[in-house]
Protein backbone atom coordinates (compact mmCIF):
# COMPACT_ATOMS: atom_id res chain seq x y z
CA MET A 1 12.18 37.33 54.02
CA THR A 2 11.21 36.85 50.38
CA THR A 3 12.85 33.44 49.77
CA ARG A 4 11.70 30.44 51.78
CA VAL A 5 14.36 28.16 53.26
CA PRO A 6 14.19 24.81 51.42
CA VAL A 7 13.82 21.70 53.62
CA SER A 8 15.18 18.52 52.05
CA ARG A 9 13.80 16.15 54.70
CA ILE A 10 12.61 15.80 58.26
CA ILE A 11 15.53 13.93 59.81
CA HIS A 12 14.07 12.66 63.07
CA THR A 13 11.93 13.19 66.14
CA ILE A 14 13.69 13.41 69.52
CA HIS A 15 12.18 11.55 72.48
CA ALA A 16 13.41 13.02 75.77
CA THR A 17 13.81 10.35 78.43
CA THR A 18 15.54 9.70 81.74
CA ASP A 19 16.58 6.14 80.82
CA ILE A 20 18.28 5.87 77.43
CA TYR A 21 18.71 2.10 77.68
CA LYS A 22 15.07 1.38 78.58
CA CYS A 23 13.79 3.80 75.94
CA ARG A 24 15.94 2.27 73.21
CA LEU A 25 14.80 -1.24 74.11
CA LEU A 26 11.16 -0.15 74.13
CA TYR A 27 11.43 1.15 70.56
CA GLN A 28 13.17 -2.05 69.51
CA ASP A 29 10.71 -4.44 71.16
CA ALA A 30 7.45 -2.56 70.64
CA LEU A 31 7.99 -0.86 67.27
CA GLY A 32 10.76 -2.88 65.65
CA GLY A 33 13.23 -0.03 65.96
CA LEU A 34 16.53 -0.61 64.14
CA VAL A 35 19.37 1.09 66.03
CA PHE A 36 22.25 2.30 63.85
CA SER A 37 24.17 4.66 66.15
CA GLU A 38 24.68 5.70 69.76
CA ASN A 39 26.55 8.77 70.88
CA TYR A 40 27.46 11.16 73.67
CA PHE A 41 27.53 14.94 73.05
CA PRO A 42 29.81 16.59 75.65
CA ALA A 43 28.65 20.16 74.92
CA GLU A 44 25.18 19.27 76.19
CA ASP A 45 26.17 16.31 78.42
CA ARG A 46 23.59 14.00 76.93
CA ASP A 47 23.41 10.47 75.55
CA ALA A 48 21.41 9.49 72.50
CA ALA A 49 20.53 6.53 70.31
CA LEU A 50 19.52 6.78 66.67
CA LEU A 51 17.03 4.28 65.28
CA TYR A 52 14.50 3.83 62.51
CA VAL A 53 10.91 2.74 62.96
CA ALA A 54 10.03 1.82 59.37
CA ASP A 55 10.81 5.02 57.43
CA HIS A 56 11.11 7.52 60.29
CA MET A 57 14.12 8.11 62.52
CA VAL A 58 13.60 8.55 66.27
CA GLU A 59 16.30 9.73 68.66
CA PRO A 60 15.84 8.76 72.32
CA MET A 61 17.94 11.24 74.30
CA ALA A 62 18.78 11.54 78.00
CA PRO A 63 20.91 13.93 80.07
CA ARG A 64 23.87 12.07 81.53
CA THR A 65 23.87 14.37 84.58
CA PRO A 66 20.21 15.36 84.89
CA ASP A 67 20.72 17.66 87.88
CA ASP A 68 23.35 19.84 86.12
CA MET A 69 21.24 22.84 85.23
CA THR A 70 24.21 24.54 83.55
CA LYS A 71 23.52 22.31 80.53
CA PRO A 72 20.68 23.32 78.18
CA TYR A 73 19.46 19.79 77.57
CA ALA A 74 19.28 18.98 81.30
CA ARG A 75 17.24 22.16 81.79
CA MET A 76 14.89 21.20 78.97
CA ALA A 77 14.47 17.64 80.23
CA ALA A 78 13.69 18.95 83.72
CA ARG A 79 11.03 21.25 82.23
CA ILE A 80 9.16 18.84 79.94
CA GLY A 81 9.97 15.49 81.57
CA GLN A 82 9.73 12.36 79.43
CA ALA A 83 8.05 13.46 76.20
CA PHE A 84 8.69 14.29 72.58
CA HIS A 85 11.29 17.04 72.55
CA SER A 86 11.48 18.30 68.94
CA PHE A 87 11.69 17.29 65.33
CA GLU A 88 14.60 18.16 63.05
CA ILE A 89 14.68 19.51 59.52
CA LYS A 90 17.64 19.32 57.14
CA VAL A 91 18.74 22.44 55.27
CA ALA A 92 21.64 23.10 52.91
CA ASP A 93 23.29 25.86 54.96
CA GLY A 94 22.73 26.03 58.70
CA ALA A 95 24.33 29.44 59.23
CA ALA A 96 22.33 30.99 56.39
CA ALA A 97 19.09 29.46 57.69
CA SER A 98 19.82 30.70 61.22
CA GLN A 99 20.38 34.23 59.93
CA ALA A 100 17.25 34.11 57.76
CA PHE A 101 15.11 33.05 60.71
CA ARG A 102 16.63 35.71 62.96
CA ASP A 103 16.00 38.34 60.27
CA ALA A 104 12.35 37.21 60.24
CA GLY A 105 12.11 37.81 63.99
CA CYS A 106 12.48 34.22 65.17
CA ARG A 107 14.25 33.27 68.38
CA VAL A 108 17.15 30.87 67.84
CA ALA A 109 18.89 28.91 70.60
CA SER A 110 21.85 26.53 71.05
CA ASP A 111 23.32 27.71 67.76
CA TYR A 112 26.39 25.62 66.92
CA GLY A 113 26.58 26.89 63.34
CA VAL A 114 25.85 23.62 61.56
CA PHE A 115 22.80 23.02 63.75
CA PHE A 116 20.57 25.05 66.02
CA PHE A 117 17.08 25.21 67.49
CA VAL A 118 14.19 27.55 66.74
CA ARG A 119 12.26 28.25 69.92
CA PRO A 120 8.55 27.34 70.16
CA GLU A 121 7.35 30.93 70.42
CA SER A 122 8.53 31.44 66.83
CA THR A 123 6.91 28.35 65.30
CA GLY A 124 3.44 28.22 66.83
CA GLY A 125 4.60 26.10 69.76
CA VAL A 126 6.97 23.46 68.30
CA LEU A 127 10.62 23.23 69.28
CA LEU A 128 12.39 22.79 65.94
CA GLU A 129 15.93 21.56 65.36
CA VAL A 130 17.62 22.69 62.15
CA CYS A 131 20.74 20.98 60.78
CA GLU A 132 22.87 20.91 57.65
CA LEU A 133 24.80 17.75 58.52
CA ALA A 134 23.93 14.15 57.74
CA MET A 135 23.60 11.84 60.73
CA PRO A 136 26.68 9.66 61.14
CA ASN A 137 26.18 6.22 59.60
CA ASP A 138 22.60 7.06 58.57
CA PRO A 139 21.21 4.23 56.41
CA TYR A 140 19.16 6.87 54.56
CA ASP A 141 22.37 8.07 52.85
CA ARG A 142 23.36 4.63 51.56
CA PRO A 143 22.68 3.65 47.93
CA ASN A 144 20.61 0.63 49.00
CA TRP A 145 18.35 2.55 51.41
CA GLY A 146 14.68 1.63 51.23
CA PRO A 147 11.92 3.17 53.35
CA ARG A 148 10.42 -0.28 54.01
CA VAL A 149 13.55 -1.51 55.76
CA GLY A 150 11.73 -2.02 59.08
CA VAL A 151 8.52 -3.52 57.68
CA GLY A 152 7.72 -7.06 58.84
CA HIS A 153 7.94 -6.65 62.60
CA ALA A 154 5.03 -7.90 64.74
CA CYS A 155 3.92 -4.30 65.38
CA ALA A 156 2.83 -4.16 61.68
CA VAL A 157 4.04 -0.56 61.28
CA GLU A 158 4.51 0.25 57.59
CA SER A 159 5.40 3.93 57.73
CA LEU A 160 5.00 7.18 59.61
CA ASP A 161 1.61 8.62 58.71
CA HIS A 162 2.31 12.03 60.22
CA ILE A 163 3.71 14.00 63.12
CA ALA A 164 0.83 15.54 65.10
CA CYS A 165 1.45 18.89 66.78
CA VAL A 166 -0.95 20.90 68.92
CA THR A 167 -0.80 24.68 68.67
CA GLY A 168 -2.44 27.59 70.39
CA ASP A 169 -1.44 29.90 67.52
CA MET A 170 -2.20 28.46 64.09
CA ALA A 171 -1.25 31.70 62.33
CA ALA A 172 2.27 31.55 63.78
CA ALA A 173 2.63 27.87 62.85
CA LEU A 174 1.52 28.53 59.26
CA ARG A 175 3.77 31.58 58.98
CA PHE A 176 6.85 29.61 59.95
CA PHE A 177 6.16 26.32 58.20
CA THR A 178 4.72 27.69 54.94
CA GLU A 179 6.27 31.16 54.62
CA LEU A 180 9.71 30.93 56.24
CA VAL A 181 10.35 27.33 55.14
CA ASP A 182 8.86 25.62 52.10
CA GLY A 183 6.06 23.58 53.64
CA ARG A 184 2.95 23.00 51.51
CA VAL A 185 -0.61 22.86 52.88
CA LEU A 186 -2.34 19.60 51.95
CA GLU A 187 -5.55 19.93 53.98
CA ASP A 188 -7.19 22.57 56.16
CA ALA A 189 -10.41 21.36 57.78
CA PRO A 190 -12.39 21.22 61.02
CA ILE A 191 -12.01 18.15 63.24
CA THR A 192 -13.95 16.45 66.00
CA LEU A 193 -11.25 14.06 67.30
CA PRO A 194 -10.46 14.25 70.12
CA GLN A 195 -12.41 17.53 70.40
CA PRO A 196 -13.63 20.25 68.03
CA GLY A 197 -10.86 22.22 66.39
CA ARG A 198 -8.97 23.02 63.21
CA ARG A 199 -6.38 20.75 61.60
CA VAL A 200 -3.92 21.87 58.95
CA LEU A 201 -1.86 19.12 57.32
CA ILE A 202 1.44 20.25 55.81
CA GLU A 203 3.94 18.40 53.64
CA LEU A 204 7.47 19.33 54.70
CA GLY A 205 10.56 17.67 53.29
CA GLY A 206 8.59 14.61 52.23
CA THR A 207 6.94 14.11 55.65
CA ARG A 208 3.44 15.11 56.69
CA VAL A 209 3.02 17.28 59.79
CA ALA A 210 -0.42 18.12 61.22
CA PHE A 211 -1.00 21.26 63.27
CA ILE A 212 -4.14 21.07 65.41
CA GLN A 213 -5.73 23.99 67.23
CA PRO A 214 -8.66 23.23 69.57
CA ASP A 215 -11.67 25.55 69.38
CA ASP A 216 -11.62 25.71 73.17
CA PRO A 217 -8.00 25.68 74.36
CA GLY A 218 -9.16 25.59 77.95
CA SER A 219 -10.79 22.16 77.83
CA GLY A 220 -10.36 18.60 76.63
CA PRO A 221 -7.18 16.60 76.08
CA LEU A 222 -5.74 19.15 73.67
CA GLY A 223 -6.37 21.95 76.13
CA ALA A 224 -4.70 19.90 78.86
CA PHE A 225 -1.72 19.37 76.57
CA LEU A 226 -1.42 23.10 75.86
CA ALA A 227 -1.59 23.83 79.59
CA SER A 228 1.27 21.41 80.35
CA GLU A 229 5.01 21.89 79.96
CA GLN A 230 5.63 20.63 76.41
CA ASN A 231 7.29 21.46 73.11
CA GLY A 232 4.31 21.11 70.80
CA ILE A 233 4.60 17.53 69.51
CA TYR A 234 1.52 15.63 70.62
CA ALA A 235 1.98 12.26 68.89
CA LEU A 236 3.67 10.23 66.21
CA VAL A 237 0.92 8.61 64.14
CA TRP A 238 1.97 5.39 62.41
CA ALA A 239 0.29 3.55 59.53
CA VAL A 240 -0.08 -0.18 60.25
CA ALA A 241 -0.86 -3.06 57.91
CA ASP A 242 -2.76 -5.05 60.55
CA ALA A 243 -4.40 -3.08 63.33
CA GLU A 244 -5.63 -6.14 65.22
CA GLY A 245 -2.24 -7.79 64.95
CA ALA A 246 -0.63 -4.62 66.28
CA ARG A 247 -3.08 -4.53 69.19
CA ALA A 248 -2.30 -8.15 70.04
CA HIS A 249 1.43 -7.47 69.90
CA PHE A 250 1.30 -4.41 72.14
CA ALA A 251 -1.21 -5.65 74.71
CA GLY A 252 -0.12 -9.30 74.73
CA LYS A 253 3.52 -10.08 75.16
CA LEU A 254 4.56 -6.50 75.92
CA GLU A 255 1.64 -5.72 78.27
CA LEU A 256 1.34 -2.17 76.99
CA ARG A 257 -2.00 -0.56 77.75
CA LEU A 258 -3.99 0.68 74.75
CA THR A 259 -6.36 3.62 74.69
CA LEU A 260 -8.71 5.63 72.47
CA ASP A 261 -8.66 8.60 74.86
CA GLY A 262 -7.16 11.73 73.38
CA CYS A 263 -6.50 10.23 69.96
CA VAL A 264 -6.15 12.75 67.14
CA SER A 265 -6.54 9.93 64.63
CA PRO A 266 -9.34 7.37 64.08
CA GLY A 267 -7.04 4.63 65.38
CA PHE A 268 -5.73 3.79 68.85
CA ALA A 269 -2.75 4.71 70.99
CA ILE A 270 -0.35 3.14 73.43
CA GLU A 271 -0.91 4.73 76.83
CA PRO A 272 1.84 7.41 76.92
CA ALA A 273 2.79 6.53 80.49
CA ASP A 274 3.72 3.05 79.23
CA PHE A 275 5.97 4.52 76.53
CA LEU A 276 8.07 6.82 78.72
CA GLY A 277 5.82 9.82 78.11
CA ALA A 278 5.61 9.58 74.31
CA ARG A 279 2.27 9.20 72.56
CA HIS A 280 2.22 6.75 69.63
CA GLU A 281 -1.00 6.34 67.64
CA PHE A 282 -1.77 3.72 64.98
CA VAL A 283 -4.09 3.92 61.99
CA ALA A 284 -4.88 1.51 59.18
CA GLY A 285 -2.35 1.96 56.39
């Protein structure tokens, strides 16, 4: 493929959960999430909520009938459990993008024409949703949209710093995200947190995505992540205006445990078990 597929934005990150109501409330209470839509998709028998945390949309999603393995989302949820499921990119023409990725040798799944998924083996380990449609009632598409709409909550989150992904195949990740779509490398450097490795930071559709490959994939927290059932997204890393205020908010009233273990950033994280399997990290903005 000689022409890269343009990405206009990263639409959202999906959080797979077993309890859509509890997950939605957790985003609202802990991170100031502003819910703007809820829906049920019969084709995949799953419920979802759409919300913004500052400038980034998150979609908690749960199978309505989790034991119905005839449905692709129920099968996925059974495989990865409660965790980040995927992130979604917006393109101008879903059918054309699907064909371009197939022509490049990628594996595409759940192709509904206007949206589809690219399987992790084609992207360096990340499950990627691709869509040409706007989200229904998305505040982003309104004339008065502002990325600071959620700023001011006690969590002190100002913006998404980046999406952190862990890969066992950096070459495949770079091929897809910089050659097949129009991602741009911002940084490529060795890291020590949470273990030695390589980190490539890419700008894609106005959002930063970090791909991290541990030097030793058989050890440490990143190795443990690669050995688990997952779809490549390790954490959402948020920029906060007041780190100590955020700590007090999370650990105080909400009684969420905080940790430095496994952090890919120089900040801190909410213990993933306390956030329905999702890892949220916080760094000074």
